[in-house]
Amino acid sequence: PSADNYHFFRGSDYDALNLDILERYKLFNGLEGNSITDEDSPEDYPTQANTLPTTEDINQDQNLGESESYFEYKIDLKPQDMVVGQNFITDRILATANTPEGPKQVYWYQFKVPVRLPDKVVNGIQDFRSIRFMRMYLKDWQQPVVLRFARLEFVRGEWRKYNFSLETPGEVIGGDPDATTYETAAVNIEENGNRTPINYVLPPGINQEIDVASANLRNLNEQSLQLLTCNLRDGDARASFRNVNFDIRSYKKMRMFIHAEGADPNDPLEYGDISVFVRLGNDLDQNYYEYEVPVVPSALNNNDPYNVWPETNNMIIEFAKLNDVKISRDQSGIPRNERYMQFDGDRRIFVKGSPNLAQMSTIMIGIRNPKQDGPEANPWSTDDGQPQCAEVWVNELRLTDFDQRGGWAAIARVNTTLADLGTLSIAGNYSTPFWGSIDKRVSERQRETKYGVDISSNLELGKFLPEESGVRIPMYVGFSEEVSNPQFDPLSPDI
């Protein structure tokens, strides 16, 4: 049975039937590990696919696996279901293919299937830690069909979906929380450069990086983080996060490009319908700074970079302003476990707990449907309190305006002789913040003003007595002091 459906792509029977390329390779792909020996071949040329015994043991573990536990994902390929924004379809590209009948226009579809949202779970499989096989099958077809895959791959990222509540505090209207959908993916210049209704283009001033290791100096693919949500309730938010370990006190600003568009063609997005926020801190819900920006949706069918990435959407976070808000909160006596808000122009800054930019461990980026009323009500537009559907791209999250202040250090030492009474040594040192050796990183340089003094003396007090007494009284005197004045508050190391 091991060679029950194997056939080499060449064969006298294939030649007699004048089969095309697709039919010739249909039974040669090796999906079951099948082959045939040269002794059993009717041809006078080798038709064997491999030299291993053909036992249909796909993973070659010499065991018969009988467990059937898996996640299943269903994609409808009916013509009426091939719509961008539905059925896992994220993009569609029109191309010209050369066929025996001449050039023909065809569509290529990009599918992105979220692996953690299966349509069916069979036999109680729990997680994705031991996935050994992937199986694809077609059913309910009434005529032959050929599917062409340009690329079939897993997409991973460092940004993970935040699965806990981000709802704005206050009164809410009850509803089904599962009605809100949220996905995190990526869009890029190579796969989505002809996307509709808005092409993916590079942000203004950004160029594709060049792979200098390649012989042809090819351009590397450039991409953005994609946040897609629908039925986002009033006052609710969805976000993705990334764990980091940064000390960003040596920089003054953080910048990021933002693009927004409506995800529902029947409900266009307006200014103020949604906002994009970034949280920086030591955790995701108790100790953080939050910076919130109202976004302007891009006009459809306009691929100008300044329309796709409006300048008014650019997020510019000044760390000094974050610190000022925290100081204001502490001086006002508001409890630290409450969200404290101040405006920065038309943007909002929040602080909660005791965030610390010296040991930043998390970054969160999310979409919020501003609340219609309450202390954090929508300040940008007349809010209708309705759910929103939106697609947001964020790109080039970067630190800028490096603190170029330098530090200095000095040491001095004096040794002197006090005639025949003894010796005196005096040493001192002084150094300022930003001082460090040339091999140290910026974040490893000194963060305090240090100064110290060291005085020591060896004396022979017997010199004060008559020499004929023969008495010797040696004495050592020493004094040492080191003072360190931190640049930042030890209890709040970013202030």
Foldseek 3Di string as FASTA:
>chain_A
DLQPQADALDDPVCVVVVDDNCVSCVRHPCPQVGFDAPVPDPDPDDRGPDDDDRPSPRVPPPDDDDDDWDFAADADPDPVQQDDLGRQWPFKDWDWDQDPVGIDIDIDTDGDDDPVDGPDTPPDDDDDPDDDDDDDDDDDDPDDDDDDDPDDDDDDDQKAWDDDWPFDDDDDDDDDPVVKDKDKDKDWCPPFQPGPQEGDDDAPPDDFQFDPVDPVRDGDIFMWIKMWMFQAFARTKIKIKHWDWDQQLQFFKKKKWKAKWASDPVDGDAWLQKKKKKWWFDDDQAFTKMKIATDGHADTNDHDNCRRGPPSNMDMDGVVVLVVQVVVCVVVPDDQRDWDWDDDDQMIMIGHHFGASRTTTMMMMMMHRAHQDDPRHRPTDNHPRGGGTMMMTMDDGDTDHGNPDAKDKDKDKDKDAPPVFWIKIKIKMWIAFRDDDPPDDSSPTDFWIKMKMKIKIWGWVCVVPDVVVVDTDIDIDMDIDMDIGGNADPVRRSD
